[in-house]
Protein backbone atom coordinates (compact mmCIF):
# COMPACT_ATOMS: atom_id res chain seq x y z
CA UNK A 1 49.96 -110.61 -43.42
CA UNK A 2 50.37 -108.34 -40.39
CA UNK A 3 51.40 -105.46 -42.68
CA UNK A 4 48.28 -105.89 -44.75
CA UNK A 5 46.16 -105.90 -41.60
CA UNK A 6 47.82 -102.71 -40.33
CA UNK A 7 47.24 -101.01 -43.65
CA UNK A 8 43.60 -102.04 -43.57
CA UNK A 9 43.15 -100.70 -40.03
CA UNK A 10 44.90 -97.42 -40.89
CA UNK A 11 42.74 -96.95 -43.96
CA UNK A 12 39.61 -97.58 -41.90
CA UNK A 13 40.65 -95.00 -39.31
CA UNK A 14 41.39 -92.39 -42.01
CA UNK A 15 38.06 -93.07 -43.67
CA UNK A 16 36.23 -92.79 -40.35
CA UNK A 17 37.96 -89.51 -39.46
CA UNK A 18 37.20 -88.11 -42.91
CA UNK A 19 33.56 -89.03 -42.49
CA UNK A 20 33.41 -87.34 -39.07
CA UNK A 21 35.02 -84.16 -40.37
CA UNK A 22 32.65 -84.05 -43.35
CA UNK A 23 29.65 -84.57 -41.09
CA UNK A 24 30.85 -81.84 -38.71
CA UNK A 25 31.34 -79.38 -41.57
CA UNK A 26 27.92 -80.26 -42.94
CA UNK A 27 26.32 -79.66 -39.54
CA UNK A 28 28.09 -76.32 -39.12
CA UNK A 29 27.08 -75.24 -42.62
CA UNK A 30 23.49 -76.23 -42.01
CA UNK A 31 23.41 -74.31 -38.72
CA UNK A 32 24.82 -71.22 -40.41
CA UNK A 33 22.23 -71.50 -43.15
CA UNK A 34 19.40 -71.75 -40.62
CA UNK A 35 20.86 -68.82 -38.69
CA UNK A 36 20.99 -66.68 -41.85
CA UNK A 37 17.40 -67.56 -42.71
CA UNK A 38 16.20 -66.64 -39.22
CA UNK A 39 18.13 -63.37 -39.25
CA UNK A 40 16.68 -62.53 -42.66
CA UNK A 41 13.16 -63.23 -41.37
CA UNK A 42 13.78 -61.03 -38.34
CA UNK A 43 15.10 -58.18 -40.48
CA UNK A 44 12.14 -58.42 -42.85
CA UNK A 45 9.75 -58.35 -39.92
CA UNK A 46 11.43 -55.32 -38.37
CA UNK A 47 11.46 -53.51 -41.72
CA UNK A 48 7.75 -54.22 -42.14
CA UNK A 49 7.03 -52.79 -38.68
CA UNK A 50 9.08 -49.67 -39.39
CA UNK A 51 7.30 -48.98 -42.69
CA UNK A 52 3.77 -49.82 -41.56
CA UNK A 53 3.51 -47.04 -38.93
CA UNK A 54 3.91 -44.17 -41.41
CA UNK A 55 1.89 -45.57 -44.37
CA UNK A 56 -1.36 -43.72 -43.59
CA UNK A 57 0.39 -40.46 -42.73
CA UNK A 58 2.44 -40.52 -45.94
CA UNK A 59 -0.70 -41.27 -47.98
CA UNK A 60 -2.55 -38.31 -46.49
CA UNK A 61 0.40 -35.98 -46.98
CA UNK A 62 0.68 -37.08 -50.62
CA UNK A 63 -3.02 -36.33 -51.17
CA UNK A 64 -2.59 -32.92 -49.56
CA UNK A 65 0.34 -32.12 -51.86
CA UNK A 66 -1.69 -33.21 -54.94
CA UNK A 67 -4.58 -30.94 -53.89
CA UNK A 68 -2.12 -28.09 -53.41
CA UNK A 69 -0.67 -28.57 -56.91
CA UNK A 70 -4.20 -28.76 -58.37
CA UNK A 71 -5.11 -25.47 -56.72
CA UNK A 72 -2.03 -23.81 -58.18
CA UNK A 73 -2.93 -25.12 -61.65
CA UNK A 74 -6.55 -23.96 -61.30
CA UNK A 75 -5.41 -20.53 -60.15
CA UNK A 76 -3.12 -20.14 -63.18
CA UNK A 77 -5.89 -21.27 -65.57
CA UNK A 78 -8.51 -19.02 -64.00
CA UNK A 79 -6.11 -16.10 -64.07
CA UNK A 80 -5.60 -16.59 -67.81
CA UNK A 81 -9.37 -16.78 -68.37
CA UNK A 82 -9.75 -13.55 -66.42
CA UNK A 83 -7.13 -11.82 -68.56
CA UNK A 84 -8.85 -13.05 -71.76
CA UNK A 85 -12.22 -11.76 -70.55
CA UNK A 86 -10.68 -8.44 -69.63
CA UNK A 87 -9.27 -8.13 -73.16
CA UNK A 88 -12.68 -8.94 -74.71
CA UNK A 89 -14.34 -6.47 -72.39
CA UNK A 90 -11.91 -3.74 -73.37
CA UNK A 91 -12.60 -4.41 -77.06
CA UNK A 92 -16.37 -4.31 -76.56
CA UNK A 93 -16.12 -1.16 -74.49
CA UNK A 94 -14.10 0.47 -77.26
CA UNK A 95 -16.73 -0.52 -79.84
CA UNK A 96 -19.46 0.83 -77.60
CA UNK A 97 -17.66 4.15 -77.27
CA UNK A 98 -17.23 4.39 -81.03
CA UNK A 99 -20.94 3.65 -81.55
CA UNK A 100 -21.93 6.37 -79.13
CA UNK A 101 -19.76 8.82 -81.01
CA UNK A 102 -21.32 7.65 -84.29
CA UNK A 103 -24.83 7.98 -82.91
CA UNK A 104 -24.07 11.49 -81.72
CA UNK A 105 -22.93 12.51 -85.17
CA UNK A 106 -25.66 10.82 -87.16
CA UNK A 107 -29.28 10.19 -86.16
CA UNK A 108 -29.31 7.50 -88.84
CA UNK A 109 -26.93 5.39 -86.76
CA UNK A 110 -27.95 1.79 -86.39
CA UNK A 111 -29.90 1.46 -83.12
CA UNK A 112 -30.08 -2.28 -83.58
CA UNK A 113 -26.32 -2.52 -83.87
CA UNK A 114 -25.86 -0.38 -80.78
CA UNK A 115 -28.28 -2.50 -78.79
CA UNK A 116 -26.51 -5.67 -79.90
CA UNK A 117 -23.13 -4.42 -78.79
CA UNK A 118 -24.57 -3.20 -75.49
CA UNK A 119 -26.05 -6.63 -74.82
CA UNK A 120 -22.70 -8.28 -75.57
CA UNK A 121 -20.98 -5.77 -73.34
CA UNK A 122 -23.34 -6.49 -70.44
CA UNK A 123 -22.90 -10.25 -70.88
CA UNK A 124 -19.15 -9.83 -70.93
CA UNK A 125 -19.30 -7.76 -67.76
CA UNK A 126 -21.34 -10.43 -65.98
CA UNK A 127 -18.91 -13.17 -67.02
CA UNK A 128 -16.01 -11.04 -65.89
CA UNK A 129 -17.58 -10.51 -62.47
CA UNK A 130 -18.26 -14.25 -62.06
CA UNK A 131 -14.69 -15.11 -63.03
CA UNK A 132 -13.35 -12.54 -60.57
CA UNK A 133 -15.48 -14.02 -57.80
CA UNK A 134 -14.32 -17.55 -58.64
CA UNK A 135 -10.71 -16.45 -58.74
CA UNK A 136 -11.04 -14.72 -55.36
CA UNK A 137 -12.53 -17.88 -53.79
CA UNK A 138 -9.79 -20.01 -55.32
CA UNK A 139 -7.07 -17.67 -54.08
CA UNK A 140 -8.55 -17.77 -50.56
CA UNK A 141 -8.63 -21.59 -50.65
CA UNK A 142 -5.06 -21.70 -51.93
CA UNK A 143 -3.90 -19.39 -49.15
CA UNK A 144 -5.67 -21.57 -46.57
CA UNK A 145 -3.99 -24.70 -47.94
CA UNK A 146 -0.60 -23.00 -47.81
CA UNK A 147 -1.11 -22.00 -44.19
CA UNK A 148 -2.17 -25.53 -43.22
CA UNK A 149 0.82 -27.05 -45.00
CA UNK A 150 3.14 -24.65 -43.21
CA UNK A 151 1.52 -25.57 -39.90
CA UNK A 152 1.85 -29.26 -40.74
CA UNK A 153 5.55 -28.87 -41.47
CA UNK A 154 6.00 -26.95 -38.22
CA UNK A 155 4.38 -29.72 -36.17
CA UNK A 156 6.36 -32.46 -37.93
CA UNK A 157 9.58 -30.58 -37.21
CA UNK A 158 8.49 -30.06 -33.61
CA UNK A 159 7.74 -33.79 -33.29
CA UNK A 160 11.23 -34.71 -34.49
CA UNK A 161 12.77 -32.25 -32.02
CA UNK A 162 10.64 -33.71 -29.23
CA UNK A 163 11.78 -37.25 -30.02
CA UNK A 164 15.46 -36.25 -30.08
CA UNK A 165 15.11 -34.37 -26.79
CA UNK A 166 13.29 -37.32 -25.25
CA UNK A 167 16.09 -39.69 -26.25
CA UNK A 168 18.65 -37.41 -24.60
CA UNK A 169 16.61 -37.23 -21.38
CA UNK A 170 16.11 -41.00 -21.23
CA UNK A 171 19.81 -41.61 -21.95
CA UNK A 172 20.83 -39.24 -19.17
CA UNK A 173 18.42 -40.83 -16.70
CA UNK A 174 19.59 -44.38 -17.53
CA UNK A 175 23.24 -43.57 -18.06
CA UNK A 176 24.41 -46.18 -15.55
CA UNK A 177 22.49 -48.96 -17.30
CA UNK A 178 23.33 -48.40 -20.99
CA UNK A 179 25.56 -51.14 -22.34
CA UNK A 180 24.69 -53.30 -19.34
CA UNK A 181 21.60 -54.99 -20.63
CA UNK A 182 19.91 -51.77 -21.80
CA UNK A 183 20.01 -49.86 -25.09
CA UNK A 184 18.26 -46.72 -26.34
CA UNK A 185 17.68 -45.72 -29.97
CA UNK A 186 15.33 -43.79 -32.24
CA UNK A 187 13.46 -45.81 -34.83
CA UNK A 188 10.68 -44.58 -37.08
CA UNK A 189 10.05 -41.43 -35.05
CA UNK A 190 9.90 -43.25 -31.70
CA UNK A 191 12.30 -43.83 -28.83
CA UNK A 192 12.96 -47.53 -28.13
CA UNK A 193 14.29 -48.54 -24.72
CA UNK A 194 15.28 -52.22 -24.93
CA UNK A 195 15.99 -54.15 -21.73
CA UNK A 196 17.47 -57.64 -21.76
CA UNK A 197 15.95 -60.37 -19.61
CA UNK A 198 19.03 -60.45 -17.37
CA UNK A 199 18.43 -56.84 -16.33
CA UNK A 200 14.85 -57.47 -15.20
CA UNK A 201 13.94 -61.10 -14.56
CA UNK A 202 15.17 -64.51 -13.57
CA UNK A 203 14.72 -67.16 -16.25
CA UNK A 204 11.05 -68.08 -16.54
CA UNK A 205 10.01 -65.45 -13.98
CA UNK A 206 7.94 -62.29 -14.34
CA UNK A 207 8.97 -60.74 -11.02
CA UNK A 208 11.21 -57.72 -11.65
CA UNK A 209 14.48 -57.77 -9.69
CA UNK A 210 15.87 -54.85 -7.67
CA UNK A 211 18.24 -53.68 -10.42
CA UNK A 212 15.42 -53.65 -12.94
CA UNK A 213 13.15 -51.76 -10.54
CA UNK A 214 15.85 -49.10 -10.15
CA UNK A 215 16.08 -48.61 -13.93
CA UNK A 216 12.29 -48.44 -14.33
CA UNK A 217 11.96 -45.90 -11.53
CA UNK A 218 14.44 -43.60 -13.26
CA UNK A 219 12.53 -44.00 -16.52
CA UNK A 220 9.24 -43.22 -14.77
CA UNK A 221 10.69 -39.89 -13.60
CA UNK A 222 11.34 -38.91 -17.22
CA UNK A 223 7.81 -39.95 -18.21
CA UNK A 224 6.30 -37.99 -15.32
CA UNK A 225 8.14 -34.86 -16.50
CA UNK A 226 6.92 -35.40 -20.12
CA UNK A 227 3.15 -36.01 -19.96
CA UNK A 228 2.70 -35.81 -23.75
CA UNK A 229 4.43 -39.16 -24.27
CA UNK A 230 2.52 -42.40 -24.80
CA UNK A 231 4.18 -45.64 -23.68
CA UNK A 232 3.91 -49.12 -25.21
CA UNK A 233 5.56 -51.96 -23.31
CA UNK A 234 6.20 -55.16 -25.29
CA UNK A 235 7.34 -58.43 -23.76
CA UNK A 236 9.38 -60.79 -26.00
CA UNK A 237 10.67 -64.36 -25.53
CA UNK A 238 12.84 -66.80 -27.45
CA UNK A 239 11.39 -69.89 -29.13
CA UNK A 240 12.18 -72.32 -26.32
CA UNK A 241 8.77 -73.60 -25.10
CA UNK A 242 7.79 -72.37 -21.66
CA UNK A 243 6.23 -75.15 -19.61
CA UNK A 244 4.33 -73.34 -16.89
CA UNK A 245 1.45 -74.14 -14.62
CA UNK A 246 -1.60 -72.24 -13.44
CA UNK A 247 -2.54 -69.20 -15.51
CA UNK A 248 0.92 -68.80 -17.08
CA UNK A 249 1.31 -71.79 -19.40
CA UNK A 250 3.39 -70.72 -22.40
CA UNK A 251 5.54 -67.98 -23.96
CA UNK A 252 2.49 -65.88 -24.79
CA UNK A 253 1.43 -65.77 -21.16
CA UNK A 254 4.98 -65.14 -19.96
CA UNK A 255 5.52 -62.19 -22.33
CA UNK A 256 2.23 -60.57 -21.28
CA UNK A 257 2.93 -61.06 -17.57
CA UNK A 258 6.36 -59.45 -17.90
CA UNK A 259 4.98 -56.43 -19.76
CA UNK A 260 2.22 -56.02 -17.16
CA UNK A 261 4.71 -56.26 -14.29
CA UNK A 262 6.70 -53.37 -15.77
CA UNK A 263 3.55 -51.26 -16.22
CA UNK A 264 2.75 -51.68 -12.53
CA UNK A 265 6.22 -50.55 -11.48
CA UNK A 266 6.22 -47.46 -13.73
CA UNK A 267 2.75 -46.41 -12.54
CA UNK A 268 3.93 -46.42 -8.94
CA UNK A 269 5.05 -42.93 -9.90
CA UNK A 270 1.89 -40.86 -9.39
CA UNK A 271 2.99 -38.52 -12.18
CA UNK A 272 2.52 -41.26 -14.79
CA UNK A 273 -1.18 -41.84 -15.41
CA UNK A 274 -2.05 -45.46 -16.29
CA UNK A 275 -4.05 -44.29 -19.32
CA UNK A 276 -0.75 -43.44 -21.05
CA UNK A 277 0.57 -47.01 -20.86
CA UNK A 278 -0.22 -50.12 -22.91
CA UNK A 279 1.09 -53.60 -22.07
CA UNK A 280 1.49 -56.18 -24.85
CA UNK A 281 3.01 -59.63 -25.16
CA UNK A 282 4.52 -60.76 -28.47
CA UNK A 283 5.87 -64.12 -27.34
CA UNK A 284 8.59 -65.46 -29.69
CA UNK A 285 7.21 -63.95 -32.90
CA UNK A 286 9.24 -60.73 -33.19
CA UNK A 287 12.87 -61.90 -32.85
CA UNK A 288 15.80 -59.56 -33.41
CA UNK A 289 18.39 -62.36 -33.61
CA UNK A 290 18.60 -66.04 -34.48
CA UNK A 291 17.16 -68.56 -32.03
CA UNK A 292 19.69 -71.21 -33.11
CA UNK A 293 22.36 -69.95 -30.71
CA UNK A 294 22.35 -69.17 -26.99
CA UNK A 295 23.54 -65.60 -27.71
CA UNK A 296 20.71 -65.01 -30.17
CA UNK A 297 18.09 -66.42 -27.80
CA UNK A 298 19.39 -64.14 -25.03
CA UNK A 299 18.88 -61.09 -27.28
CA UNK A 300 15.35 -62.18 -28.12
CA UNK A 301 14.41 -62.49 -24.43
CA UNK A 302 13.85 -58.78 -23.94
CA UNK A 303 11.35 -56.09 -23.06
CA UNK A 304 10.93 -53.06 -25.30
CA UNK A 305 9.52 -49.80 -23.92
CA UNK A 306 8.42 -47.70 -26.89
CA UNK A 307 7.93 -43.96 -26.28
CA UNK A 308 5.80 -42.01 -28.76
CA UNK A 309 4.97 -38.27 -28.68
CA UNK A 310 1.25 -37.58 -28.86
CA UNK A 311 0.33 -36.49 -32.38
CA UNK A 312 -3.22 -35.27 -31.71
CA UNK A 313 -2.51 -31.79 -33.08
CA UNK A 314 -0.91 -33.25 -36.20
CA UNK A 315 -3.80 -35.58 -36.99
CA UNK A 316 -6.36 -32.84 -36.34
CA UNK A 317 -4.74 -30.76 -39.08
CA UNK A 318 -4.68 -33.73 -41.46
CA UNK A 319 -8.34 -34.57 -40.75
CA UNK A 320 -9.41 -31.05 -41.72
CA UNK A 321 -8.24 -31.87 -45.26
């Protein structure tokens, strides 16, 4: 009887442990699935942001290239028409010369026939002149398009060089902070300076600490030395609800307050005019990692300072098309 009881107890324990293990594995699997889904959403969002910035520029460049190809085609066609007219003109001129010789030899030469050929010759000359004028205008337009495309390529190349040089300057200025809550990279033709929450703020606070102020002051020196750079400052949070009081009540308010606090520190440098800076809060809606783990949430609690060369000259050239 006791043996049977022991067997029953042992079986119950095994069954219970098996159930616990299965439940634990299920929970871990479910967490991994949720993490993968969140990471996929974040990647899709980032990819959308990267592609959206250049859509209009690419569209305009494509239109410019189509116009350029059309001009080349029109020039070739008009050139062929001009050659055909020149051939017809040469034939008519030859006939006219022969008629003049015939008229000189015989007074009975056909005046009507001579007049007809002369009229055709004059008409051909007029057409030839019009075609030549059209071809000259088209060639001038084609040359203008070529010059503008060359200028456009020059400015695009200059913009890329400016971005690369800017990244090097920012990296040199913030050398002591990289890898310690700060990262710098080029994305979509812009320099992104990403600062983790731990480098700038206490949890739930929008007051920048001394270490963060030091980093921002060094960055402001680079911006003061490069006045043709526009600055967008984005505050980001994780998805843990912020329960605040007063004017700062939620993650939206917190992200905006943090971005604004950074703007005020950078503009302490008199060489950085406030008109160059824009502060924005994006709350929890642009994550770069999963919010299902403490590590992922820490990455999402960040501030991104996005540096963009001014493209006024580039867009002026595009607008002229």
